[in-house]
Amino acid sequence: MLESPHNGTAVHNPDLNWSQVQETILMLGIVVAQVRHAMQDSGASLNTLSESFQTTATHIESLRDALLEVGQQLPAELAIESKVEEIQQQNVRSVVAFQFFDRLSQRMDHVCGTISALAELVSDRQAMFLPHEWHRLQQRIRSQYTMEQEKQLFDAILQGMPIAEAITLAGNVQLAESKPLAGDIELF
């Protein structure tokens, strides 16, 4: 994890040791801290909601099974089975939305890792001028990506593709919303 300079900023009182590199590392540290803090705050809520939807899915399945056992005795105009199916589909759509949030969290974690690794290289006054150290940094960053879209985006930009085109190339992943839940709800 990125460690910011121990003395903090020196822009108000620069001395002979003042360095724009140290100030850059400090600012990168702020970015990493803000992203990680936001992820921690949202992670607890996401876990609670995910558990809630898992419990709801289990109860919906139990309710459906119980209703099918006594289905002959229920008035057809209540349309209980179709209502249960509708609730289940809404639950599935909610879980899919959480999967996208989980994916966003993974990407933000990778952003923090990239910024930390970059700051580490830039803070080494010798290594920052060596092309093979930059290549090693690029390999290290790419190896941490878990999603193919991240790898495509990374490779395209390193090959000189404009950022907007690289984003288009990486595309958007759309998850199927109509898949029925089977057992546990699993986030990425």
Protein backbone atom coordinates (compact mmCIF):
# COMPACT_ATOMS: atom_id res chain seq x y z
CA MET A 1 0.00 0.00 0.00
CA LEU A 2 1.14 3.49 -0.80
CA GLU A 3 2.74 5.32 2.09
CA SER A 4 2.73 9.08 1.87
CA PRO A 5 5.80 11.11 2.84
CA HIS A 6 6.05 11.25 6.64
CA ASN A 7 6.54 15.00 6.85
CA GLY A 8 3.47 15.82 4.77
CA THR A 9 3.45 18.70 2.34
CA ALA A 10 6.23 21.25 2.31
CA VAL A 11 4.75 23.67 -0.23
CA HIS A 12 4.18 26.33 2.42
CA ASN A 13 7.73 26.09 3.71
CA PRO A 14 9.97 24.59 1.01
CA ASP A 15 13.59 23.86 1.81
CA LEU A 16 16.48 22.45 -0.21
CA ASN A 17 15.00 18.95 0.07
CA TRP A 18 11.64 20.01 -1.36
CA SER A 19 10.64 17.86 -4.31
CA GLN A 20 7.71 17.83 -6.69
CA VAL A 21 8.06 14.05 -6.68
CA GLN A 22 7.36 13.96 -2.92
CA GLU A 23 4.38 16.28 -3.42
CA THR A 24 3.11 14.03 -6.24
CA ILE A 25 3.41 10.96 -4.02
CA LEU A 26 1.56 12.78 -1.26
CA MET A 27 -1.28 13.66 -3.65
CA LEU A 28 -1.42 10.10 -5.00
CA GLY A 29 -1.64 8.92 -1.40
CA ILE A 30 -4.67 11.15 -0.88
CA VAL A 31 -6.35 9.65 -3.95
CA VAL A 32 -5.70 6.09 -2.76
CA ALA A 33 -6.93 6.91 0.75
CA GLN A 34 -10.14 8.48 -0.58
CA VAL A 35 -10.91 5.55 -2.86
CA ARG A 36 -10.17 2.96 -0.17
CA HIS A 37 -12.24 4.87 2.40
CA ALA A 38 -15.21 5.02 0.01
CA MET A 39 -14.86 1.31 -0.76
CA GLN A 40 -14.81 0.43 2.95
CA ASP A 41 -17.93 2.48 3.61
CA SER A 42 -19.83 0.99 0.71
CA GLY A 43 -18.52 -2.55 1.28
CA ALA A 44 -20.33 -2.96 4.59
CA SER A 45 -23.63 -1.85 3.05
CA LEU A 46 -23.12 -4.09 0.06
CA ASN A 47 -22.50 -7.12 2.28
CA THR A 48 -25.67 -6.43 4.28
CA LEU A 49 -27.75 -6.02 1.13
CA SER A 50 -26.24 -9.13 -0.49
CA GLU A 51 -27.06 -11.23 2.57
CA SER A 52 -30.57 -9.78 2.59
CA PHE A 53 -31.14 -10.70 -1.05
CA GLN A 54 -29.76 -14.20 -0.46
CA THR A 55 -32.18 -14.68 2.43
CA THR A 56 -35.03 -13.28 0.33
CA ALA A 57 -34.21 -15.67 -2.51
CA THR A 58 -34.24 -18.62 -0.11
CA HIS A 59 -37.59 -17.54 1.33
CA ILE A 60 -39.07 -17.07 -2.14
CA GLU A 61 -38.08 -20.62 -3.10
CA SER A 62 -39.57 -21.98 0.14
CA LEU A 63 -42.76 -19.99 -0.41
CA ARG A 64 -43.05 -21.22 -4.00
CA ASP A 65 -42.60 -24.84 -2.90
CA ALA A 66 -45.20 -24.45 -0.13
CA LEU A 67 -47.67 -22.79 -2.49
CA LEU A 68 -47.27 -25.52 -5.08
CA GLU A 69 -48.15 -28.11 -2.43
CA VAL A 70 -51.41 -26.37 -1.57
CA GLY A 71 -51.91 -24.71 -4.95
CA GLN A 72 -55.09 -26.63 -5.71
CA GLN A 73 -56.78 -25.02 -2.70
CA LEU A 74 -55.91 -21.39 -3.53
CA PRO A 75 -58.24 -19.31 -5.72
CA ALA A 76 -56.74 -18.88 -9.19
CA GLU A 77 -57.61 -15.18 -9.29
CA LEU A 78 -55.01 -14.53 -6.58
CA ALA A 79 -52.28 -15.50 -9.09
CA ILE A 80 -49.99 -16.31 -6.18
CA GLU A 81 -47.52 -18.31 -8.24
CA SER A 82 -47.09 -15.56 -10.85
CA LYS A 83 -46.64 -12.96 -8.11
CA VAL A 84 -43.98 -15.09 -6.45
CA GLU A 85 -42.26 -15.43 -9.84
CA GLU A 86 -42.38 -11.66 -10.31
CA ILE A 87 -40.85 -11.07 -6.87
CA GLN A 88 -38.13 -13.58 -7.67
CA GLN A 89 -37.32 -11.84 -10.96
CA GLN A 90 -37.08 -8.47 -9.21
CA ASN A 91 -34.73 -10.06 -6.72
CA VAL A 92 -32.59 -11.42 -9.56
CA ARG A 93 -32.39 -7.95 -11.16
CA SER A 94 -31.29 -6.49 -7.82
CA VAL A 95 -28.58 -9.10 -7.43
CA VAL A 96 -27.33 -8.38 -10.95
CA ALA A 97 -27.11 -4.69 -10.05
CA PHE A 98 -25.00 -5.64 -7.03
CA GLN A 99 -22.74 -7.69 -9.26
CA PHE A 100 -21.98 -4.55 -11.24
CA PHE A 101 -21.20 -2.74 -8.00
CA ASP A 102 -18.89 -5.57 -6.96
CA ARG A 103 -17.16 -5.27 -10.32
CA LEU A 104 -16.74 -1.52 -9.77
CA SER A 105 -15.20 -2.21 -6.36
CA GLN A 106 -12.70 -4.60 -7.92
CA ARG A 107 -11.75 -2.02 -10.53
CA MET A 108 -11.31 0.67 -7.90
CA ASP A 109 -9.11 -1.67 -5.89
CA HIS A 110 -6.99 -2.18 -9.01
CA VAL A 111 -6.80 1.60 -9.49
CA CYS A 112 -5.48 1.95 -5.95
CA GLY A 113 -2.90 -0.76 -6.63
CA THR A 114 -1.81 0.96 -9.84
CA ILE A 115 -1.46 4.34 -8.16
CA SER A 116 0.49 2.80 -5.27
CA ALA A 117 2.84 0.95 -7.61
CA LEU A 118 3.37 4.08 -9.69
CA ALA A 119 4.12 6.17 -6.61
CA GLU A 120 6.56 3.52 -5.42
CA LEU A 121 8.47 3.65 -8.71
CA VAL A 122 8.45 7.45 -8.91
CA SER A 123 9.72 7.72 -5.34
CA ASP A 124 12.83 5.67 -6.24
CA ARG A 125 15.08 8.34 -7.72
CA GLN A 126 17.19 5.76 -9.56
CA ALA A 127 14.54 3.32 -10.76
CA MET A 128 12.26 6.01 -12.17
CA PHE A 129 14.76 6.66 -14.98
CA LEU A 130 15.16 3.02 -16.02
CA PRO A 131 12.88 1.78 -18.84
CA HIS A 132 13.07 -1.83 -17.62
CA GLU A 133 11.67 -0.72 -14.24
CA TRP A 134 8.72 0.89 -16.02
CA HIS A 135 8.23 -2.31 -18.02
CA ARG A 136 8.30 -4.34 -14.81
CA LEU A 137 5.73 -1.96 -13.31
CA GLN A 138 3.47 -2.43 -16.33
CA GLN A 139 3.74 -6.21 -16.11
CA ARG A 140 3.05 -6.12 -12.36
CA ILE A 141 -0.03 -3.95 -12.82
CA ARG A 142 -1.42 -6.04 -15.69
CA SER A 143 -0.90 -9.30 -13.79
CA GLN A 144 -3.18 -8.06 -11.01
CA TYR A 145 -6.16 -7.53 -13.32
CA THR A 146 -8.86 -10.17 -12.99
CA MET A 147 -11.25 -9.00 -15.69
CA GLU A 148 -10.55 -9.34 -19.37
CA GLN A 149 -11.91 -5.84 -20.04
CA GLU A 150 -9.26 -4.35 -17.75
CA LYS A 151 -6.52 -6.20 -19.62
CA GLN A 152 -7.89 -5.07 -22.99
CA LEU A 153 -8.07 -1.46 -21.85
CA PHE A 154 -4.56 -1.56 -20.39
CA ASP A 155 -3.02 -3.18 -23.49
CA ALA A 156 -4.76 -0.81 -25.89
CA ILE A 157 -3.60 2.31 -24.05
CA LEU A 158 -0.03 1.00 -23.78
CA GLN A 159 -0.10 0.42 -27.54
CA GLY A 160 -0.97 4.09 -28.05
CA MET A 161 -4.71 3.91 -28.62
CA PRO A 162 -6.60 7.04 -27.53
CA ILE A 163 -8.35 6.53 -24.20
CA ALA A 164 -11.89 6.97 -25.60
CA GLU A 165 -11.22 4.33 -28.26
CA ALA A 166 -9.68 1.96 -25.72
CA ILE A 167 -12.77 2.27 -23.54
CA THR A 168 -14.97 1.48 -26.53
CA LEU A 169 -12.78 -1.50 -27.38
CA ALA A 170 -12.98 -2.88 -23.85
CA GLY A 171 -16.75 -2.51 -24.08
CA ASN A 172 -19.38 -2.89 -21.45
CA VAL A 173 -20.13 -6.24 -19.91
CA GLN A 174 -23.79 -6.98 -19.60
CA LEU A 175 -24.89 -9.78 -17.36
CA ALA A 176 -27.96 -11.80 -18.22
CA GLU A 177 -30.80 -10.62 -16.01
CA SER A 178 -33.09 -13.51 -16.75
CA LYS A 179 -31.05 -16.31 -15.23
CA PRO A 180 -32.91 -17.95 -12.36
CA LEU A 181 -31.15 -18.09 -9.03
CA ALA A 182 -29.88 -21.48 -8.08
CA GLY A 183 -28.62 -21.83 -4.57
CA ASP A 184 -26.25 -19.17 -3.38
CA ILE A 185 -26.03 -15.75 -4.94
CA GLU A 186 -22.42 -15.27 -5.86
CA LEU A 187 -20.83 -11.92 -6.56
CA PHE A 188 -17.74 -11.67 -8.72
